[in-house]
């Protein structure tokens, strides 16, 4: 099926599309008014179907727009389609003034309070988002050998200490990838949140860590008076932030991406050397 035929099928006003992602799981096309995700394998198709059902349960309870995904059978197989939400991802707060930053913080806090306050039953399949445990299992063979001796010891110690209290972690509905690439803004308002593939039951501190990894400690400072439980999460947020470069290492190894592997090693060396 050519782009014109696909555009007609999904009801787009445009016959031209931009490839915004060509990853291992999905190809993502932006038609300007509609977004199309084309799964590359059966597992990716199942994930899209799960996300479409989950979004239907989340949407009525959230104060900020999220996609309304339709699963469509096409000449190229199953695809997922939704309207393009307004706004664009933003990578920093630098282009926003003081008043704008406060408005953005209020929007972010409102969204996270609503999401984290949902009943666990919202996640119908009970999916747990415990990425740190998957990472911990691969530390000895895949991650630690690639780090300098001092950082290797620091990382190993951090995981062992965190695991000692893992049974005490709070459990909430979390986004699972609440980074700046998945948060849309127009002027000084958050206009949408996308990519709920990782949404499940997990520690709410993980979402704050993802947010702070992109926007820095300033966003946590602005959110603190708006999210009463945030100060108690400080240690967990710091731990999760340290896992992100380690996940880049695994991504590089799993997908033969030397650049991601190198960035992950460099990021881990910086983060854990500073933390010592």
Protein backbone atom coordinates (compact mmCIF):
# COMPACT_ATOMS: atom_id res chain seq x y z
CA UNK A 1 0.00 0.00 0.00
CA UNK A 2 1.42 3.40 -1.00
CA UNK A 3 1.23 6.52 1.17
CA UNK A 4 -1.76 7.90 -0.72
CA UNK A 5 -3.70 4.69 -0.15
CA UNK A 6 -2.72 4.61 3.51
CA UNK A 7 -3.74 8.25 3.93
CA UNK A 8 -7.13 7.52 2.40
CA UNK A 9 -7.59 4.50 4.68
CA UNK A 10 -6.88 6.47 7.87
CA UNK A 11 -8.78 9.59 6.80
CA UNK A 12 -5.76 11.89 6.61
CA UNK A 13 -5.94 15.17 4.73
CA UNK A 14 -2.34 14.68 3.61
CA UNK A 15 -0.87 12.10 1.26
CA UNK A 16 2.66 12.83 2.52
CA UNK A 17 4.17 11.48 5.72
CA UNK A 18 7.37 11.84 7.71
CA UNK A 19 9.01 8.82 9.29
CA UNK A 20 9.44 9.82 12.93
CA UNK A 21 10.64 6.44 14.12
CA UNK A 22 12.01 3.35 12.41
CA UNK A 23 12.86 1.20 15.39
CA UNK A 24 13.03 -2.52 16.03
CA UNK A 25 9.36 -2.72 17.04
CA UNK A 26 7.40 -0.15 15.03
CA UNK A 27 7.67 2.20 12.12
CA UNK A 28 5.93 5.46 12.99
CA UNK A 29 4.59 7.80 10.28
CA UNK A 30 3.42 11.36 10.88
CA UNK A 31 0.87 12.54 8.31
CA UNK A 32 0.55 15.93 10.01
CA UNK A 33 -2.96 15.26 11.26
CA UNK A 34 -2.75 11.52 11.92
CA UNK A 35 -0.06 9.25 13.41
CA UNK A 36 0.35 5.68 12.14
CA UNK A 37 2.35 2.95 13.85
CA UNK A 38 3.16 -0.13 11.82
CA UNK A 39 4.31 -3.09 13.95
CA UNK A 40 7.32 -5.03 12.68
CA UNK A 41 6.50 -8.33 14.42
CA UNK A 42 3.76 -10.16 16.32
CA UNK A 43 5.03 -8.99 19.71
CA UNK A 44 4.88 -5.36 18.63
CA UNK A 45 1.34 -5.85 17.30
CA UNK A 46 0.24 -7.35 20.62
CA UNK A 47 1.78 -4.38 22.46
CA UNK A 48 -0.13 -1.92 20.26
CA UNK A 49 -3.40 -3.74 20.91
CA UNK A 50 -2.72 -3.69 24.65
CA UNK A 51 -1.93 0.02 24.59
CA UNK A 52 -5.08 0.84 22.61
CA UNK A 53 -7.26 -0.89 25.22
CA UNK A 54 -5.38 0.66 28.13
CA UNK A 55 -5.68 4.18 26.74
CA UNK A 56 -9.43 3.77 26.54
CA UNK A 57 -9.52 3.14 30.29
CA UNK A 58 -7.07 5.93 31.14
CA UNK A 59 -8.50 8.72 29.01
CA UNK A 60 -11.60 9.62 31.07
CA UNK A 61 -9.54 9.94 34.26
CA UNK A 62 -6.66 12.11 33.03
CA UNK A 63 -6.66 15.93 32.84
CA UNK A 64 -4.38 16.12 29.78
CA UNK A 65 -5.03 14.71 26.33
CA UNK A 66 -3.69 11.25 25.47
CA UNK A 67 -4.08 9.44 22.15
CA UNK A 68 -7.29 7.67 21.18
CA UNK A 69 -5.79 4.74 19.29
CA UNK A 70 -7.70 2.72 16.72
CA UNK A 71 -6.48 -0.66 15.52
CA UNK A 72 -7.03 -0.88 11.76
CA UNK A 73 -6.59 -3.81 9.40
CA UNK A 74 -4.92 -2.66 6.21
CA UNK A 75 -3.27 -4.04 3.10
CA UNK A 76 0.03 -4.04 4.96
CA UNK A 77 -1.38 -5.75 8.04
CA UNK A 78 -2.51 -4.45 11.40
CA UNK A 79 -1.71 -0.79 12.12
CA UNK A 80 -2.45 1.59 14.98
CA UNK A 81 -3.80 5.06 14.18
CA UNK A 82 -4.58 8.15 16.21
CA UNK A 83 -5.03 11.87 15.71
CA UNK A 84 -1.85 13.90 16.10
CA UNK A 85 -2.11 15.70 19.42
CA UNK A 86 -1.32 19.45 19.50
CA UNK A 87 2.05 20.67 20.68
CA UNK A 88 5.63 19.51 20.31
CA UNK A 89 8.06 17.67 22.58
CA UNK A 90 10.42 19.94 24.49
CA UNK A 91 13.85 18.95 25.72
CA UNK A 92 14.46 21.65 28.33
CA UNK A 93 12.88 24.54 30.21
CA UNK A 94 15.34 27.04 28.76
CA UNK A 95 12.93 28.62 26.29
CA UNK A 96 10.25 29.18 28.95
CA UNK A 97 10.02 32.17 31.26
CA UNK A 98 9.40 31.98 35.00
CA UNK A 99 5.60 32.17 34.80
CA UNK A 100 5.55 29.64 31.97
CA UNK A 101 7.67 27.19 33.97
CA UNK A 102 5.26 27.40 36.86
CA UNK A 103 2.30 26.68 34.56
CA UNK A 104 4.11 23.71 33.03
CA UNK A 105 4.89 22.38 36.52
CA UNK A 106 1.24 22.65 37.53
CA UNK A 107 0.17 20.76 34.41
CA UNK A 108 2.76 18.04 34.99
CA UNK A 109 1.77 17.68 38.64
CA UNK A 110 -1.93 17.51 37.77
CA UNK A 111 -1.29 14.74 35.26
CA UNK A 112 0.95 12.67 37.54
CA UNK A 113 -1.35 13.01 40.55
CA UNK A 114 -4.29 11.78 38.46
CA UNK A 115 -2.33 8.92 36.87
CA UNK A 116 -0.70 7.71 40.08
CA UNK A 117 -4.02 7.92 41.91
CA UNK A 118 -5.83 5.49 39.60
CA UNK A 119 -6.87 2.11 41.03
CA UNK A 120 -4.53 -0.77 40.29
CA UNK A 121 -7.34 -2.52 38.42
CA UNK A 122 -6.95 0.03 35.64
CA UNK A 123 -4.06 -2.13 34.47
CA UNK A 124 -6.30 -5.03 33.49
CA UNK A 125 -3.45 -7.44 32.75
CA UNK A 126 -1.58 -6.57 35.95
CA UNK A 127 1.57 -5.68 34.00
CA UNK A 128 4.41 -4.65 36.32
CA UNK A 129 6.86 -1.99 35.21
CA UNK A 130 9.95 -3.08 37.16
CA UNK A 131 12.67 -2.33 34.64
CA UNK A 132 15.30 -2.09 37.37
CA UNK A 133 14.84 -5.79 38.19
CA UNK A 134 15.39 -6.81 34.58
CA UNK A 135 18.47 -4.62 34.56
CA UNK A 136 19.72 -6.11 37.83
CA UNK A 137 19.57 -9.60 36.33
CA UNK A 138 21.87 -8.54 33.49
CA UNK A 139 24.31 -6.45 35.50
CA UNK A 140 26.97 -9.13 36.12
CA UNK A 141 27.39 -10.32 32.53
CA UNK A 142 26.42 -7.36 30.36
CA UNK A 143 26.86 -4.10 32.27
CA UNK A 144 29.43 -4.22 35.06
CA UNK A 145 32.30 -5.56 32.91
CA UNK A 146 32.05 -2.46 30.70
CA UNK A 147 32.48 0.01 33.56
CA UNK A 148 35.63 1.21 35.29
CA UNK A 149 36.45 -0.64 38.54
CA UNK A 150 35.36 2.16 40.87
CA UNK A 151 32.08 2.82 39.08
CA UNK A 152 31.47 -0.93 38.79
CA UNK A 153 31.62 -1.24 42.57
CA UNK A 154 29.37 1.79 43.09
CA UNK A 155 26.72 0.45 40.70
CA UNK A 156 26.78 -3.03 42.22
CA UNK A 157 26.45 -1.61 45.73
CA UNK A 158 23.59 0.69 44.73
CA UNK A 159 21.59 -2.21 43.29
CA UNK A 160 22.21 -4.45 46.27
CA UNK A 161 21.05 -1.75 48.71
CA UNK A 162 17.98 -0.94 46.62
CA UNK A 163 17.02 -4.61 46.39
CA UNK A 164 17.06 -4.91 50.19
CA UNK A 165 14.01 -2.61 50.36
CA UNK A 166 12.30 -3.59 47.11
CA UNK A 167 9.42 -5.21 48.99
CA UNK A 168 8.57 -1.85 50.55
CA UNK A 169 8.18 0.04 47.27
CA UNK A 170 4.79 1.70 46.70
CA UNK A 171 2.80 0.51 43.71
CA UNK A 172 0.78 2.81 41.48
CA UNK A 173 -0.27 3.15 37.86
CA UNK A 174 2.74 4.75 36.16
CA UNK A 175 3.48 5.92 32.64
CA UNK A 176 6.78 4.06 32.54
CA UNK A 177 8.53 6.39 30.05
CA UNK A 178 7.63 9.89 31.21
CA UNK A 179 10.52 11.56 29.42
CA UNK A 180 10.43 14.85 27.57
CA UNK A 181 10.09 13.13 24.19
CA UNK A 182 6.66 11.87 25.24
CA UNK A 183 5.36 15.14 26.70
CA UNK A 184 3.90 17.72 24.30
CA UNK A 185 3.68 21.44 25.00
CA UNK A 186 2.29 24.44 23.17
CA UNK A 187 3.48 27.79 24.48
CA UNK A 188 3.36 27.37 28.26
CA UNK A 189 0.87 24.51 28.61
CA UNK A 190 1.21 20.74 28.46
CA UNK A 191 -1.08 19.71 25.62
CA UNK A 192 -0.61 15.96 25.46
CA UNK A 193 1.20 12.87 26.68
CA UNK A 194 2.00 10.02 24.29
CA UNK A 195 3.57 6.53 24.19
CA UNK A 196 2.00 4.47 26.95
CA UNK A 197 3.65 1.22 25.85
CA UNK A 198 5.44 0.97 29.21
CA UNK A 199 2.42 1.89 31.32
CA UNK A 200 1.83 -0.53 34.17
CA UNK A 201 2.04 -0.97 37.91
CA UNK A 202 5.22 0.35 39.45
CA UNK A 203 6.92 2.85 41.69
CA UNK A 204 5.66 6.41 40.99
CA UNK A 205 9.18 7.66 41.66
CA UNK A 206 10.12 6.14 38.30
CA UNK A 207 8.01 8.70 36.41
CA UNK A 208 9.56 11.58 38.37
CA UNK A 209 13.02 10.20 37.64
CA UNK A 210 12.27 10.04 33.90
CA UNK A 211 11.03 13.61 33.99
CA UNK A 212 14.05 14.88 35.91
CA UNK A 213 16.44 13.04 33.59
CA UNK A 214 15.26 15.31 30.79
CA UNK A 215 14.44 18.57 32.58
CA UNK A 216 16.90 18.44 35.47
CA UNK A 217 16.52 19.00 39.19
CA UNK A 218 14.69 22.28 38.63
CA UNK A 219 11.52 20.46 37.63
CA UNK A 220 11.59 18.45 40.87
CA UNK A 221 11.97 21.65 42.87
CA UNK A 222 8.94 23.16 41.15
CA UNK A 223 6.88 19.99 41.59
CA UNK A 224 7.71 19.52 45.27
CA UNK A 225 5.00 21.84 46.67
CA UNK A 226 2.47 20.41 44.20
CA UNK A 227 3.15 16.72 44.89
CA UNK A 228 3.18 16.14 48.66
CA UNK A 229 4.82 12.71 48.46
CA UNK A 230 7.73 13.84 46.31
CA UNK A 231 10.33 14.59 49.05
CA UNK A 232 10.08 11.03 50.36
CA UNK A 233 10.94 9.72 46.88
CA UNK A 234 14.29 11.52 46.61
CA UNK A 235 16.48 8.47 47.16
CA UNK A 236 14.47 6.29 44.79
CA UNK A 237 14.44 8.98 42.13
CA UNK A 238 18.22 9.23 42.34
CA UNK A 239 18.55 5.45 41.99
CA UNK A 240 16.26 5.25 38.96
CA UNK A 241 18.04 8.13 37.24
CA UNK A 242 21.23 6.13 37.54
CA UNK A 243 19.64 3.18 35.75
CA UNK A 244 18.93 5.11 32.56
CA UNK A 245 22.49 5.12 31.13
CA UNK A 246 22.75 1.44 32.09
CA UNK A 247 19.64 0.76 30.00
CA UNK A 248 21.37 2.53 27.10
CA UNK A 249 24.21 0.03 27.47
CA UNK A 250 21.78 -2.87 27.16
CA UNK A 251 20.03 -1.26 24.19
CA UNK A 252 23.37 -0.87 22.44
CA UNK A 253 24.27 -4.49 23.09
CA UNK A 254 20.88 -5.88 22.10
CA UNK A 255 20.60 -3.89 18.88
CA UNK A 256 24.22 -3.67 17.78
CA UNK A 257 24.17 0.10 18.31
CA UNK A 258 27.72 1.09 19.19
CA UNK A 259 26.78 4.75 19.61
CA UNK A 260 24.11 3.95 22.20
CA UNK A 261 26.49 1.58 23.96
CA UNK A 262 29.21 4.23 24.12
CA UNK A 263 26.78 6.90 25.31
CA UNK A 264 25.51 4.56 28.01
CA UNK A 265 28.98 3.78 29.31
CA UNK A 266 29.96 7.46 29.30
CA UNK A 267 26.71 8.45 31.02
CA UNK A 268 27.13 5.81 33.72
CA UNK A 269 30.72 6.86 34.36
CA UNK A 270 29.64 10.48 34.80
CA UNK A 271 26.60 9.75 36.95
CA UNK A 272 28.14 7.28 39.35
CA UNK A 273 31.48 9.05 39.59
CA UNK A 274 29.63 12.20 40.70
CA UNK A 275 27.54 10.17 43.12
CA UNK A 276 30.52 8.66 44.93
